[in-house]
Amino acid sequence: MKLTTWILGILFAHAAALHAGESLVYKKAGERELKLFIEKPADWKATDKRPAIVFYFGGGWVGGTPMQFAKQSEYFASRGMVGVRVEYRTIPAGDKGPPVVCCADAKSAMRYVRGHAAELGIDPARIAASGGSAGGHLAAFTAMVGGQDDAQDDVSISCKPNALVLFNPVFNNGPGQWGHERVGARFMEFSPVHHITKDAPPTIVFLGDSDKLIPVSVVRDFEAGMKAAGVRCEAHIYPKAGHGFFNTGPAYTQTVDEADKFLTSLGWLVAMPKAGQ
């Protein structure tokens, strides 16, 4: 049976038992401190080696807040993972250029999580990246695209996640696609779909077929490219759903259900019991 609302209700009934949301500084950018917001399972210990999922908020690279994925992070913490929500710099007002600072911070955050896996109780070989819209771009960017590293990063630590869980992500920054007006002729420096290789991590993607920003064809092309490279990629297309559909209502439950099954299939989670068991 699918993970249904009643199962989610059982899990969220235990939310109060989770470790209170924690925050820590992963990087300083000038005078600004950038933070990670962390949800841990109730029985978490520093000696654990748990899988983790790192979330990047959406907002067109110009806005947004790490609160966007609080529910998803809490849910996966209730399932035994460590949830991490990233605060990153957005493009400053009036700047019409590419998301250089966003990309740099995205990689810095992944390197911090992997580099501090021991104290976070995380298995450095089981870290997923996740995000919605421009945040989905950043998650995929850390996995697939070289460059845009912060000069202060220890680049000997890999920023590449071991899996991707993406919600209406910006995959293609090429001509005619979302974000191209910012990246222009530099699109190859930013566009994940142009950097698919056999080393890409297994990926699950969620998109509504009425999304006015990301066409279904973009996701289907990405899925085809991943499969041609021999990489697992699942695309879930939701009828009559627009951009950001996954944040609330039945679509939230459905997408969390599918993400749970995907991570379970990787051996990162224990399968949920069926209703009545």
Protein backbone atom coordinates (compact mmCIF):
# COMPACT_ATOMS: atom_id res chain seq x y z
CA MET A 1 0.00 0.00 0.00
CA LYS A 2 1.17 3.53 -0.68
CA LEU A 3 2.33 5.80 2.10
CA THR A 4 -0.98 7.52 2.78
CA THR A 5 -2.18 10.41 4.86
CA TRP A 6 -2.84 8.24 7.90
CA ILE A 7 0.77 6.99 7.92
CA LEU A 8 2.06 10.55 7.59
CA GLY A 9 -0.19 11.47 10.50
CA ILE A 10 1.39 8.77 12.64
CA LEU A 11 4.86 10.00 11.78
CA PHE A 12 4.10 13.65 12.40
CA ALA A 13 2.56 12.71 15.74
CA HIS A 14 6.13 11.91 16.71
CA ALA A 15 7.49 15.23 15.46
CA ALA A 16 7.67 16.61 18.99
CA ALA A 17 10.10 13.82 19.83
CA LEU A 18 12.56 14.94 17.17
CA HIS A 19 15.61 16.86 18.24
CA ALA A 20 14.63 20.53 18.23
CA GLY A 21 15.67 22.21 15.01
CA GLU A 22 19.31 23.17 15.26
CA SER A 23 21.33 25.66 13.28
CA LEU A 24 25.02 26.08 12.66
CA VAL A 25 27.19 28.36 10.55
CA TYR A 26 28.73 26.59 7.57
CA LYS A 27 30.36 29.60 5.95
CA LYS A 28 31.04 33.30 6.26
CA ALA A 29 30.55 35.47 3.18
CA GLY A 30 31.99 38.84 4.06
CA GLU A 31 30.21 39.87 7.25
CA ARG A 32 27.32 37.49 6.67
CA GLU A 33 27.07 34.12 8.38
CA LEU A 34 25.32 31.45 6.32
CA LYS A 35 23.56 28.71 8.26
CA LEU A 36 22.37 25.15 7.99
CA PHE A 37 19.12 24.24 9.73
CA ILE A 38 19.14 20.64 10.88
CA GLU A 39 16.45 18.15 11.83
CA LYS A 40 17.62 14.96 13.55
CA PRO A 41 15.78 11.76 14.50
CA ALA A 42 14.68 11.43 18.11
CA ASP A 43 17.23 8.68 18.77
CA TRP A 44 20.09 10.44 16.95
CA LYS A 45 23.63 10.04 18.31
CA ALA A 46 26.84 11.63 17.07
CA THR A 47 28.24 8.14 16.55
CA ASP A 48 25.49 7.32 14.05
CA LYS A 49 26.16 6.99 10.34
CA ARG A 50 22.75 7.95 9.04
CA PRO A 51 21.75 8.94 5.53
CA ALA A 52 21.13 12.67 5.08
CA ILE A 53 19.14 14.87 2.73
CA VAL A 54 20.21 18.45 2.00
CA PHE A 55 17.49 20.87 0.84
CA TYR A 56 17.85 24.03 -1.27
CA PHE A 57 14.89 26.42 -1.38
CA GLY A 58 13.43 27.82 -4.60
CA GLY A 59 12.84 31.43 -5.53
CA GLY A 60 14.36 32.09 -8.92
CA TRP A 61 17.84 32.57 -7.38
CA VAL A 62 16.62 35.98 -6.15
CA GLY A 63 14.47 35.10 -3.12
CA GLY A 64 13.14 32.34 -0.91
CA THR A 65 13.78 30.93 2.53
CA PRO A 66 15.08 27.66 4.03
CA MET A 67 11.67 27.25 5.67
CA GLN A 68 10.32 26.01 2.34
CA PHE A 69 11.38 22.42 2.96
CA ALA A 70 10.87 22.32 6.74
CA LYS A 71 8.02 19.78 6.48
CA GLN A 72 9.97 17.48 4.17
CA SER A 73 13.06 17.72 6.37
CA GLU A 74 11.06 16.90 9.50
CA TYR A 75 9.40 14.01 7.72
CA PHE A 76 12.67 12.40 6.66
CA ALA A 77 14.11 12.96 10.15
CA SER A 78 11.11 11.00 11.46
CA ARG A 79 12.17 8.24 9.05
CA GLY A 80 15.71 8.11 10.46
CA MET A 81 17.60 10.52 8.19
CA VAL A 82 19.30 13.77 9.09
CA GLY A 83 17.55 16.64 7.31
CA VAL A 84 19.59 19.72 6.41
CA ARG A 85 18.13 22.95 5.03
CA VAL A 86 20.57 25.39 3.45
CA GLU A 87 20.61 29.16 3.70
CA TYR A 88 22.40 30.51 0.64
CA ARG A 89 23.00 33.95 -0.84
CA THR A 90 20.57 34.99 -3.53
CA ILE A 91 21.40 37.23 -6.48
CA PRO A 92 21.44 40.87 -5.28
CA ALA A 93 18.72 43.22 -6.46
CA GLY A 94 19.65 44.88 -9.73
CA ASP A 95 22.21 42.21 -10.67
CA LYS A 96 21.16 40.71 -14.00
CA GLY A 97 23.98 38.19 -14.11
CA PRO A 98 24.21 34.46 -13.42
CA PRO A 99 23.71 32.76 -10.02
CA VAL A 100 27.40 32.61 -9.16
CA VAL A 101 26.99 33.18 -5.42
CA CYS A 102 24.08 30.74 -5.21
CA CYS A 103 26.12 27.99 -6.88
CA ALA A 104 29.19 28.68 -4.75
CA ASP A 105 27.18 28.48 -1.53
CA ALA A 106 25.40 25.32 -2.67
CA LYS A 107 28.73 23.55 -3.12
CA SER A 108 30.09 24.96 0.14
CA ALA A 109 27.10 23.59 2.04
CA MET A 110 27.50 20.09 0.59
CA ARG A 111 31.20 20.11 1.39
CA TYR A 112 30.49 21.21 4.94
CA VAL A 113 27.96 18.42 5.49
CA ARG A 114 30.30 15.77 4.10
CA GLY A 115 33.36 17.23 5.82
CA HIS A 116 31.57 17.30 9.18
CA ALA A 117 29.75 13.99 8.75
CA ALA A 118 31.29 12.52 11.89
CA GLU A 119 29.88 15.12 14.28
CA LEU A 120 26.58 15.28 12.40
CA GLY A 121 26.08 11.53 12.70
CA ILE A 122 25.97 11.20 8.91
CA ASP A 123 27.30 8.60 6.50
CA PRO A 124 29.35 10.66 4.00
CA ALA A 125 28.53 8.11 1.28
CA ARG A 126 24.76 8.54 1.70
CA ILE A 127 23.99 12.22 1.26
CA ALA A 128 21.12 13.23 -1.03
CA ALA A 129 20.63 16.72 -2.43
CA SER A 130 17.13 18.06 -2.92
CA GLY A 131 15.45 21.29 -3.91
CA GLY A 132 12.63 22.95 -5.77
CA SER A 133 12.80 25.10 -8.90
CA ALA A 134 16.01 27.16 -8.65
CA GLY A 135 16.82 25.12 -5.56
CA GLY A 136 16.44 21.99 -7.68
CA HIS A 137 18.93 23.55 -10.07
CA LEU A 138 21.41 24.05 -7.21
CA ALA A 139 21.01 20.46 -6.04
CA ALA A 140 21.60 19.14 -9.56
CA PHE A 141 24.44 21.62 -10.06
CA THR A 142 26.36 20.23 -7.08
CA ALA A 143 26.05 16.78 -8.62
CA MET A 144 26.87 17.46 -12.25
CA VAL A 145 28.53 20.77 -13.04
CA GLY A 146 32.14 21.66 -12.29
CA GLY A 147 33.29 25.14 -11.35
CA GLN A 148 31.84 28.09 -9.43
CA ASP A 149 33.65 26.90 -6.29
CA ASP A 150 34.17 29.33 -3.45
CA ALA A 151 37.86 30.18 -3.10
CA GLN A 152 37.71 29.35 0.61
CA ASP A 153 36.34 25.83 0.04
CA ASP A 154 38.42 22.72 0.60
CA VAL A 155 37.87 21.27 -2.86
CA SER A 156 39.45 17.97 -1.82
CA ILE A 157 36.05 17.29 -0.20
CA SER A 158 33.53 16.25 -2.83
CA CYS A 159 30.40 18.37 -3.19
CA LYS A 160 28.71 15.65 -5.22
CA PRO A 161 25.63 14.11 -3.58
CA ASN A 162 24.97 10.39 -3.73
CA ALA A 163 21.34 10.81 -4.83
CA LEU A 164 19.04 13.58 -6.07
CA VAL A 165 15.42 14.27 -5.08
CA LEU A 166 14.23 17.14 -7.28
CA PHE A 167 10.99 19.14 -7.41
CA ASN A 168 10.17 21.02 -10.65
CA PRO A 169 13.90 21.67 -11.06
CA VAL A 170 15.63 24.03 -13.46
CA PHE A 171 17.71 21.55 -15.48
CA ASN A 172 18.27 23.39 -18.72
CA ASN A 173 19.68 26.92 -18.90
CA GLY A 174 20.30 26.76 -22.63
CA PRO A 175 18.78 29.05 -25.27
CA GLY A 176 15.03 29.43 -24.88
CA GLN A 177 14.99 27.80 -21.44
CA TRP A 178 14.45 29.20 -17.96
CA GLY A 179 17.34 31.25 -16.63
CA HIS A 180 19.04 31.72 -19.99
CA GLU A 181 18.52 35.47 -19.84
CA ARG A 182 20.85 35.50 -16.83
CA VAL A 183 23.51 33.05 -17.95
CA GLY A 184 23.53 33.87 -21.68
CA ALA A 185 26.50 32.50 -23.57
CA ARG A 186 27.83 31.09 -20.28
CA PHE A 187 24.99 28.55 -19.98
CA MET A 188 27.40 25.62 -20.18
CA GLU A 189 28.87 26.76 -16.86
CA PHE A 190 25.53 26.35 -15.10
CA SER A 191 23.18 23.99 -16.96
CA PRO A 192 22.93 20.47 -15.46
CA VAL A 193 21.34 18.85 -18.51
CA HIS A 194 24.47 19.68 -20.50
CA HIS A 195 26.69 17.76 -18.07
CA ILE A 196 25.05 14.35 -17.74
CA THR A 197 27.62 11.55 -17.41
CA LYS A 198 27.65 7.97 -16.19
CA ASP A 199 28.85 9.29 -12.83
CA ALA A 200 25.65 11.23 -12.12
CA PRO A 201 23.81 10.01 -9.01
CA PRO A 202 20.47 8.17 -9.07
CA THR A 203 17.69 10.72 -9.36
CA ILE A 204 13.96 11.15 -8.85
CA VAL A 205 12.15 14.15 -10.35
CA PHE A 206 8.67 15.58 -9.71
CA LEU A 207 6.91 17.97 -12.12
CA GLY A 208 3.39 19.15 -12.84
CA ASP A 209 2.23 18.98 -16.44
CA SER A 210 0.78 22.49 -16.15
CA ASP A 211 4.04 24.05 -14.96
CA LYS A 212 4.42 27.31 -16.91
CA LEU A 213 8.14 27.61 -16.16
CA ILE A 214 9.49 24.10 -16.68
CA PRO A 215 8.04 22.19 -19.67
CA VAL A 216 7.51 18.44 -19.35
CA SER A 217 9.85 18.03 -22.33
CA VAL A 218 12.76 19.38 -20.26
CA VAL A 219 12.32 16.67 -17.65
CA ARG A 220 11.74 13.96 -20.25
CA ASP A 221 14.93 15.01 -22.09
CA PHE A 222 16.86 14.91 -18.81
CA GLU A 223 15.43 11.49 -17.96
CA ALA A 224 16.36 10.17 -21.40
CA GLY A 225 19.87 11.56 -21.14
CA MET A 226 20.38 9.98 -17.73
CA LYS A 227 19.13 6.60 -18.90
CA ALA A 228 21.31 6.78 -22.01
CA ALA A 229 24.28 7.33 -19.70
CA GLY A 230 23.27 4.27 -17.69
CA VAL A 231 22.04 6.24 -14.67
CA ARG A 232 18.82 5.57 -12.83
CA CYS A 233 16.31 8.40 -13.24
CA GLU A 234 12.60 8.37 -12.36
CA ALA A 235 10.34 11.17 -13.58
CA HIS A 236 6.91 11.57 -11.98
CA ILE A 237 4.56 13.89 -13.87
CA TYR A 238 1.42 15.10 -12.09
CA PRO A 239 -1.69 16.06 -14.10
CA LYS A 240 -3.08 19.59 -13.86
CA ALA A 241 -0.33 20.61 -11.42
CA GLY A 242 1.57 23.87 -11.67
CA HIS A 243 4.87 25.17 -10.41
CA GLY A 244 5.42 24.56 -6.69
CA PHE A 245 2.56 22.05 -6.56
CA PHE A 246 4.46 19.79 -4.17
CA ASN A 247 4.42 22.16 -1.20
CA THR A 248 0.88 21.54 0.07
CA GLY A 249 -2.15 19.29 -0.05
CA PRO A 250 -2.34 15.81 -1.57
CA ALA A 251 0.63 16.53 -3.84
CA TYR A 252 2.85 16.99 -0.79
CA THR A 253 1.85 13.55 0.47
CA GLN A 254 2.21 11.95 -2.96
CA THR A 255 5.68 13.37 -3.64
CA VAL A 256 6.97 12.52 -0.16
CA ASP A 257 5.58 9.00 -0.65
CA GLU A 258 7.48 8.54 -3.92
CA ALA A 259 10.67 10.08 -2.51
CA ASP A 260 10.43 7.74 0.47
CA LYS A 261 10.09 4.71 -1.79
CA PHE A 262 13.00 5.89 -3.92
CA LEU A 263 15.31 6.30 -0.91
CA THR A 264 14.09 2.96 0.47
CA SER A 265 14.99 1.30 -2.83
CA LEU A 266 18.53 2.64 -2.43
CA GLY A 267 18.74 0.90 0.94
CA TRP A 268 18.82 4.19 2.85
CA LEU A 269 15.47 3.70 4.64
CA VAL A 270 13.61 0.73 6.06
CA ALA A 271 10.39 0.05 4.18
CA MET A 272 7.26 1.46 5.78
CA PRO A 273 4.80 -1.07 7.25
CA LYS A 274 1.58 -1.57 5.34
CA ALA A 275 -1.67 -0.35 6.78
CA GLY A 276 -2.97 -2.67 9.49
CA GLN A 277 0.44 -4.18 10.26
